[in-house]
Amino acid sequence: MANQLGVCNPSGFAYSYHLRAPQNNIWACSVPPGFTFDQTRNQLGVCNPSGFAYSYHLRG
Protein backbone atom coordinates (compact mmCIF):
# COMPACT_ATOMS: atom_id res chain seq x y z
CA MET A 1 0.00 0.00 0.00
CA ALA A 2 1.26 3.45 -0.85
CA ASN A 3 -0.20 6.91 -0.39
CA GLN A 4 0.86 8.74 -3.56
CA LEU A 5 0.12 12.11 -5.09
CA GLY A 6 -1.65 12.04 -8.47
CA VAL A 7 -1.68 8.25 -8.93
CA CYS A 8 -5.22 7.11 -8.06
CA ASN A 9 -6.51 10.65 -7.54
CA PRO A 10 -5.35 13.16 -10.19
CA SER A 11 -5.86 16.13 -7.85
CA GLY A 12 -4.42 14.79 -4.60
CA PHE A 13 -3.19 11.90 -2.52
CA ALA A 14 -4.83 8.45 -2.58
CA TYR A 15 -3.94 4.90 -1.61
CA SER A 16 -2.86 2.32 -4.17
CA TYR A 17 -2.43 -1.40 -3.49
CA HIS A 18 -0.12 -4.10 -4.81
CA LEU A 19 -2.34 -7.10 -5.63
CA ARG A 20 -1.42 -10.76 -5.90
CA ALA A 21 -3.43 -13.76 -7.01
CA PRO A 22 -4.64 -15.70 -3.96
CA GLN A 23 -2.48 -18.65 -3.02
CA ASN A 24 -1.75 -20.86 -0.06
CA ASN A 25 0.35 -19.47 2.82
CA ILE A 26 0.09 -15.71 2.21
CA TRP A 27 -1.54 -12.94 4.28
CA ALA A 28 -4.56 -11.20 2.74
CA CYS A 29 -7.12 -8.57 3.71
CA SER A 30 -10.04 -10.80 2.79
CA VAL A 31 -10.68 -14.50 2.29
CA PRO A 32 -11.41 -15.28 -1.38
CA PRO A 33 -13.76 -18.07 -2.50
CA GLY A 34 -12.18 -21.51 -2.23
CA PHE A 35 -9.82 -20.51 0.61
CA THR A 36 -9.95 -20.73 4.38
CA PHE A 37 -7.66 -19.18 6.97
CA ASP A 38 -5.80 -20.51 9.98
CA GLN A 39 -4.58 -17.29 11.64
CA THR A 40 -5.64 -13.66 11.94
CA ARG A 41 -3.79 -10.46 12.78
CA ASN A 42 -5.33 -7.16 13.84
CA GLN A 43 -2.85 -4.51 12.67
CA LEU A 44 -2.78 -0.76 12.31
CA GLY A 45 -2.48 0.59 8.76
CA VAL A 46 -2.21 -2.76 6.94
CA CYS A 47 -5.68 -3.58 5.58
CA ASN A 48 -7.15 -0.24 6.65
CA PRO A 49 -4.92 2.77 5.96
CA SER A 50 -6.51 4.84 8.74
CA GLY A 51 -7.00 2.29 11.51
CA PHE A 52 -6.92 -1.29 12.70
CA ALA A 53 -8.23 -4.18 10.59
CA TYR A 54 -7.82 -7.95 10.40
CA SER A 55 -5.66 -9.78 7.89
CA TYR A 56 -5.96 -13.51 7.22
CA HIS A 57 -3.37 -16.23 6.65
CA LEU A 58 -4.76 -18.11 3.66
CA ARG A 59 -4.97 -21.86 3.31
CA GLY A 60 -6.26 -23.26 0.06
PDB file of N, CA and C in Angstrom:
ATOM      1  N   MET A   1       0.844  -1.151   0.000  1.00  0.00           N
ATOM      2  CA  MET A   1       0.000   0.000   0.000  1.00  0.00           C
ATOM      3  C   MET A   1       0.899   1.225   0.000  1.00  0.00           C
ATOM      4  N   ALA A   2       0.510   2.196  -0.790  1.00  0.00           N
ATOM      5  CA  ALA A   2       1.262   3.447  -0.849  1.00  0.00           C
ATOM      6  C   ALA A   2       0.291   4.613  -0.974  1.00  0.00           C
ATOM      7  N   ASN A   3       0.594   5.698  -0.297  1.00  0.00           N
ATOM      8  CA  ASN A   3      -0.197   6.914  -0.394  1.00  0.00           C
ATOM      9  C   ASN A   3       0.566   7.868  -1.303  1.00  0.00           C
ATOM     10  N   GLN A   4       0.100   8.011  -2.551  1.00  0.00           N
ATOM     11  CA  GLN A   4       0.855   8.744  -3.558  1.00  0.00           C
ATOM     12  C   GLN A   4       0.043   9.890  -4.134  1.00  0.00           C
ATOM     13  N   LEU A   5       0.736  10.947  -4.491  1.00  0.00           N
ATOM     14  CA  LEU A   5       0.116  12.113  -5.095  1.00  0.00           C
ATOM     15  C   LEU A   5      -0.104  11.881  -6.585  1.00  0.00           C
ATOM     16  N   GLY A   6      -1.341  12.072  -7.050  1.00  0.00           N
ATOM     17  CA  GLY A   6      -1.652  12.035  -8.469  1.00  0.00           C
ATOM     18  C   GLY A   6      -1.682  10.662  -9.111  1.00  0.00           C
ATOM     19  N   VAL A   7      -1.674   9.589  -8.335  1.00  0.00           N
ATOM     20  CA  VAL A   7      -1.679   8.253  -8.928  1.00  0.00           C
ATOM     21  C   VAL A   7      -3.113   7.742  -9.083  1.00  0.00           C
ATOM     22  N   CYS A   8      -3.829   7.558  -7.988  1.00  0.00           N
ATOM     23  CA  CYS A   8      -5.222   7.108  -8.061  1.00  0.00           C
ATOM     24  C   CYS A   8      -6.205   8.273  -7.946  1.00  0.00           C
ATOM     25  N   ASN A   9      -5.707   9.433  -7.629  1.00  0.00           N
ATOM     26  CA  ASN A   9      -6.508  10.653  -7.543  1.00  0.00           C
ATOM     27  C   ASN A   9      -5.725  11.752  -8.245  1.00  0.00           C
ATOM     28  N   PRO A  10      -6.151  12.195  -9.431  1.00  0.00           N
ATOM     29  CA  PRO A  10      -5.354  13.158 -10.191  1.00  0.00           C
ATOM     30  C   PRO A  10      -5.159  14.502  -9.500  1.00  0.00           C
ATOM     31  N   SER A  11      -5.982  14.822  -8.499  1.00  0.00           N
ATOM     32  CA  SER A  11      -5.857  16.131  -7.849  1.00  0.00           C
ATOM     33  C   SER A  11      -5.399  16.042  -6.399  1.00  0.00           C
ATOM     34  N   GLY A  12      -4.878  14.895  -5.987  1.00  0.00           N
ATOM     35  CA  GLY A  12      -4.419  14.789  -4.600  1.00  0.00           C
ATOM     36  C   GLY A  12      -3.853  13.420  -4.284  1.00  0.00           C
ATOM     37  N   PHE A  13      -3.728  13.162  -3.001  1.00  0.00           N
ATOM     38  CA  PHE A  13      -3.193  11.898  -2.523  1.00  0.00           C
ATOM     39  C   PHE A  13      -4.288  10.838  -2.467  1.00  0.00           C
ATOM     40  N   ALA A  14      -3.912   9.586  -2.712  1.00  0.00           N
ATOM     41  CA  ALA A  14      -4.827   8.449  -2.579  1.00  0.00           C
ATOM     42  C   ALA A  14      -3.998   7.181  -2.407  1.00  0.00           C
ATOM     43  N   TYR A  15      -4.621   6.168  -1.829  1.00  0.00           N
ATOM     44  CA  TYR A  15      -3.937   4.896  -1.609  1.00  0.00           C
ATOM     45  C   TYR A  15      -4.005   4.013  -2.848  1.00  0.00           C
ATOM     46  N   SER A  16      -2.895   3.347  -3.138  1.00  0.00           N
ATOM     47  CA  SER A  16      -2.861   2.321  -4.168  1.00  0.00           C
ATOM     48  C   SER A  16      -2.370   1.028  -3.505  1.00  0.00           C
ATOM     49  N   TYR A  17      -2.710  -0.105  -4.093  1.00  0.00           N
ATOM     50  CA  TYR A  17      -2.429  -1.397  -3.489  1.00  0.00           C
ATOM     51  C   TYR A  17      -1.733  -2.309  -4.491  1.00  0.00           C
ATOM     52  N   HIS A  18      -0.778  -3.074  -4.008  1.00  0.00           N
ATOM     53  CA  HIS A  18      -0.117  -4.103  -4.815  1.00  0.00           C
ATOM     54  C   HIS A  18      -0.906  -5.389  -4.638  1.00  0.00           C
ATOM     55  N   LEU A  19      -1.486  -5.912  -5.704  1.00  0.00           N
ATOM     56  CA  LEU A  19      -2.340  -7.102  -5.630  1.00  0.00           C
ATOM     57  C   LEU A  19      -1.607  -8.343  -6.096  1.00  0.00           C
ATOM     58  N   ARG A  20      -1.946  -9.459  -5.492  1.00  0.00           N
ATOM     59  CA  ARG A  20      -1.424 -10.760  -5.897  1.00  0.00           C
ATOM     60  C   ARG A  20      -2.585 -11.716  -6.045  1.00  0.00           C
ATOM     61  N   ALA A  21      -2.425 -12.701  -6.903  1.00  0.00           N
ATOM     62  CA  ALA A  21      -3.426 -13.762  -7.010  1.00  0.00           C
ATOM     63  C   ALA A  21      -3.427 -14.552  -5.710  1.00  0.00           C
ATOM     64  N   PRO A  22      -4.603 -14.925  -5.201  1.00  0.00           N
ATOM     65  CA  PRO A  22      -4.644 -15.701  -3.956  1.00  0.00           C
ATOM     66  C   PRO A  22      -3.888 -17.013  -4.099  1.00  0.00           C
ATOM     67  N   GLN A  23      -3.174 -17.367  -3.055  1.00  0.00           N
ATOM     68  CA  GLN A  23      -2.483 -18.648  -3.022  1.00  0.00           C
ATOM     69  C   GLN A  23      -2.306 -19.068  -1.574  1.00  0.00           C
ATOM     70  N   ASN A  24      -1.950 -20.310  -1.385  1.00  0.00           N
ATOM     71  CA  ASN A  24      -1.750 -20.864  -0.059  1.00  0.00           C
ATOM     72  C   ASN A  24      -0.585 -20.168   0.642  1.00  0.00           C
ATOM     73  N   ASN A  25      -0.739 -19.927   1.949  1.00  0.00           N
ATOM     74  CA  ASN A  25       0.345 -19.471   2.817  1.00  0.00           C
ATOM     75  C   ASN A  25       0.753 -18.015   2.602  1.00  0.00           C
ATOM     76  N   ILE A  26      -0.188 -17.138   2.235  1.00  0.00           N
ATOM     77  CA  ILE A  26       0.085 -15.706   2.212  1.00  0.00           C
ATOM     78  C   ILE A  26      -0.937 -15.001   3.101  1.00  0.00           C
ATOM     79  N   TRP A  27      -0.632 -13.770   3.494  1.00  0.00           N
ATOM     80  CA  TRP A  27      -1.537 -12.936   4.276  1.00  0.00           C
ATOM     81  C   TRP A  27      -2.363 -12.086   3.328  1.00  0.00           C
ATOM     82  N   ALA A  28      -3.663 -11.967   3.597  1.00  0.00           N
ATOM     83  CA  ALA A  28      -4.564 -11.202   2.736  1.00  0.00           C
ATOM     84  C   ALA A  28      -5.547 -10.422   3.602  1.00  0.00           C
ATOM     85  N   CYS A  29      -6.149  -9.408   3.000  1.00  0.00           N
ATOM     86  CA  CYS A  29      -7.116  -8.568   3.713  1.00  0.00           C
ATOM     87  C   CYS A  29      -8.529  -9.117   3.653  1.00  0.00           C
ATOM     88  N   SER A  30      -8.747 -10.116   2.842  1.00  0.00           N
ATOM     89  CA  SER A  30     -10.042 -10.795   2.791  1.00  0.00           C
ATOM     90  C   SER A  30      -9.792 -12.247   2.396  1.00  0.00           C
ATOM     91  N   VAL A  31     -10.796 -13.072   2.601  1.00  0.00           N
ATOM     92  CA  VAL A  31     -10.682 -14.503   2.287  1.00  0.00           C
ATOM     93  C   VAL A  31     -11.446 -14.765   0.996  1.00  0.00           C
ATOM     94  N   PRO A  32     -10.732 -15.053  -0.100  1.00  0.00           N
ATOM     95  CA  PRO A  32     -11.408 -15.277  -1.381  1.00  0.00           C
ATOM     96  C   PRO A  32     -12.121 -16.629  -1.420  1.00  0.00           C
ATOM     97  N   PRO A  33     -13.058 -16.792  -2.353  1.00  0.00           N
ATOM     98  CA  PRO A  33     -13.756 -18.074  -2.497  1.00  0.00           C
ATOM     99  C   PRO A  33     -12.770 -19.217  -2.725  1.00  0.00           C
ATOM    100  N   GLY A  34     -13.029 -20.334  -2.078  1.00  0.00           N
ATOM    101  CA  GLY A  34     -12.176 -21.508  -2.225  1.00  0.00           C
ATOM    102  C   GLY A  34     -11.026 -21.567  -1.235  1.00  0.00           C
ATOM    103  N   PHE A  35     -10.890 -20.550  -0.381  1.00  0.00           N
ATOM    104  CA  PHE A  35      -9.822 -20.508   0.610  1.00  0.00           C
ATOM    105  C   PHE A  35     -10.424 -20.464   2.008  1.00  0.00           C
ATOM    106  N   THR A  36      -9.642 -20.907   2.965  1.00  0.00           N
ATOM    107  CA  THR A  36      -9.954 -20.734   4.376  1.00  0.00           C
ATOM    108  C   THR A  36      -8.760 -20.011   4.990  1.00  0.00           C
ATOM    109  N   PHE A  37      -8.796 -19.791   6.300  1.00  0.00           N
ATOM    110  CA  PHE A  37      -7.657 -19.175   6.966  1.00  0.00           C
ATOM    111  C   PHE A  37      -7.404 -19.894   8.276  1.00  0.00           C
ATOM    112  N   ASP A  38      -6.147 -19.849   8.731  1.00  0.00           N
ATOM    113  CA  ASP A  38      -5.800 -20.509   9.980  1.00  0.00           C
ATOM    114  C   ASP A  38      -5.266 -19.558  11.041  1.00  0.00           C
ATOM    115  N   GLN A  39      -5.047 -18.294  10.684  1.00  0.00           N
ATOM    116  CA  GLN A  39      -4.580 -17.290  11.637  1.00  0.00           C
ATOM    117  C   GLN A  39      -5.146 -15.932  11.237  1.00  0.00           C
ATOM    118  N   THR A  40      -5.269 -15.051  12.216  1.00  0.00           N
ATOM    119  CA  THR A  40      -5.644 -13.663  11.937  1.00  0.00           C
ATOM    120  C   THR A  40      -4.674 -12.745  12.660  1.00  0.00           C
ATOM    121  N   ARG A  41      -4.567 -11.521  12.139  1.00  0.00           N
ATOM    122  CA  ARG A  41      -3.793 -10.459  12.780  1.00  0.00           C
ATOM    123  C   ARG A  41      -4.626  -9.191  12.732  1.00  0.00           C
ATOM    124  N   ASN A  42      -4.660  -8.452  13.807  1.00  0.00           N
ATOM    125  CA  ASN A  42      -5.329  -7.164  13.838  1.00  0.00           C
ATOM    126  C   ASN A  42      -4.233  -6.106  13.902  1.00  0.00           C
ATOM    127  N   GLN A  43      -3.993  -5.421  12.767  1.00  0.00           N
ATOM    128  CA  GLN A  43      -2.853  -4.513  12.669  1.00  0.00           C
ATOM    129  C   GLN A  43      -3.287  -3.126  12.231  1.00  0.00           C
ATOM    130  N   LEU A  44      -2.537  -2.150  12.662  1.00  0.00           N
ATOM    131  CA  LEU A  44      -2.782  -0.764  12.309  1.00  0.00           C
ATOM    132  C   LEU A  44      -2.167  -0.449  10.948  1.00  0.00           C
ATOM    133  N   GLY A  45      -2.981   0.096  10.037  1.00  0.00           N
ATOM    134  CA  GLY A  45      -2.477   0.588   8.760  1.00  0.00           C
ATOM    135  C   GLY A  45      -2.131  -0.463   7.731  1.00  0.00           C
ATOM    136  N   VAL A  46      -2.539  -1.722   7.915  1.00  0.00           N
ATOM    137  CA  VAL A  46      -2.211  -2.757   6.935  1.00  0.00           C
ATOM    138  C   VAL A  46      -3.378  -2.951   5.967  1.00  0.00           C
ATOM    139  N   CYS A  47      -4.509  -3.410   6.452  1.00  0.00           N
ATOM    140  CA  CYS A  47      -5.681  -3.583   5.580  1.00  0.00           C
ATOM    141  C   CYS A  47      -6.621  -2.388   5.630  1.00  0.00           C
ATOM    142  N   ASN A  48      -6.394  -1.490   6.546  1.00  0.00           N
ATOM    143  CA  ASN A  48      -7.154  -0.241   6.653  1.00  0.00           C
ATOM    144  C   ASN A  48      -6.144   0.875   6.844  1.00  0.00           C
ATOM    145  N   PRO A  49      -5.969   1.756   5.862  1.00  0.00           N
ATOM    146  CA  PRO A  49      -4.919   2.771   5.958  1.00  0.00           C
ATOM    147  C   PRO A  49      -5.095   3.751   7.111  1.00  0.00           C
ATOM    148  N   SER A  50      -6.297   3.858   7.674  1.00  0.00           N
ATOM    149  CA  SER A  50      -6.507   4.839   8.737  1.00  0.00           C
ATOM    150  C   SER A  50      -6.889   4.210  10.073  1.00  0.00           C
ATOM    151  N   GLY A  51      -6.662   2.913  10.238  1.00  0.00           N
ATOM    152  CA  GLY A  51      -7.000   2.288  11.509  1.00  0.00           C
ATOM    153  C   GLY A  51      -6.629   0.819  11.544  1.00  0.00           C
ATOM    154  N   PHE A  52      -7.166   0.134  12.532  1.00  0.00           N
ATOM    155  CA  PHE A  52      -6.918  -1.293  12.700  1.00  0.00           C
ATOM    156  C   PHE A  52      -7.875  -2.109  11.837  1.00  0.00           C
ATOM    157  N   ALA A  53      -7.397  -3.243  11.339  1.00  0.00           N
ATOM    158  CA  ALA A  53      -8.229  -4.180  10.594  1.00  0.00           C
ATOM    159  C   ALA A  53      -7.551  -5.552  10.625  1.00  0.00           C
ATOM    160  N   TYR A  54      -8.343  -6.582  10.400  1.00  0.00           N
ATOM    161  CA  TYR A  54      -7.818  -7.948  10.400  1.00  0.00           C
ATOM    162  C   TYR A  54      -7.238  -8.324   9.042  1.00  0.00           C
ATOM    163  N   SER A  55      -6.159  -9.093   9.075  1.00  0.00           N
ATOM    164  CA  SER A  55      -5.656  -9.780   7.889  1.00  0.00           C
ATOM    165  C   SER A  55      -5.704 -11.277   8.185  1.00  0.00           C
ATOM    166  N   TYR A  56      -5.702 -12.070   7.125  1.00  0.00           N
ATOM    167  CA  TYR A  56      -5.961 -13.507   7.218  1.00  0.00           C
ATOM    168  C   TYR A  56      -4.836 -14.297   6.553  1.00  0.00           C
ATOM    169  N   HIS A  57      -4.382 -15.341   7.218  1.00  0.00           N
ATOM    170  CA  HIS A  57      -3.370 -16.231   6.654  1.00  0.00           C
ATOM    171  C   HIS A  57      -4.109 -17.311   5.861  1.00  0.00           C
ATOM    172  N   LEU A  58      -3.965 -17.262   4.544  1.00  0.00           N
ATOM    173  CA  LEU A  58      -4.764 -18.106   3.662  1.00  0.00           C
ATOM    174  C   LEU A  58      -4.265 -19.532   3.593  1.00  0.00           C
ATOM    175  N   ARG A  59      -5.218 -20.433   3.533  1.00  0.00           N
ATOM    176  CA  ARG A  59      -4.966 -21.859   3.311  1.00  0.00           C
ATOM    177  C   ARG A  59      -5.921 -22.307   2.217  1.00  0.00           C
ATOM    178  N   GLY A  60      -5.384 -22.875   1.157  1.00  0.00           N
ATOM    179  CA  GLY A  60      -6.262 -23.264   0.061  1.00  0.00           C
ATOM    180  C   GLY A  60      -5.865 -24.551  -0.584  1.00  0.00           C
TER     181      GLY A  60
END
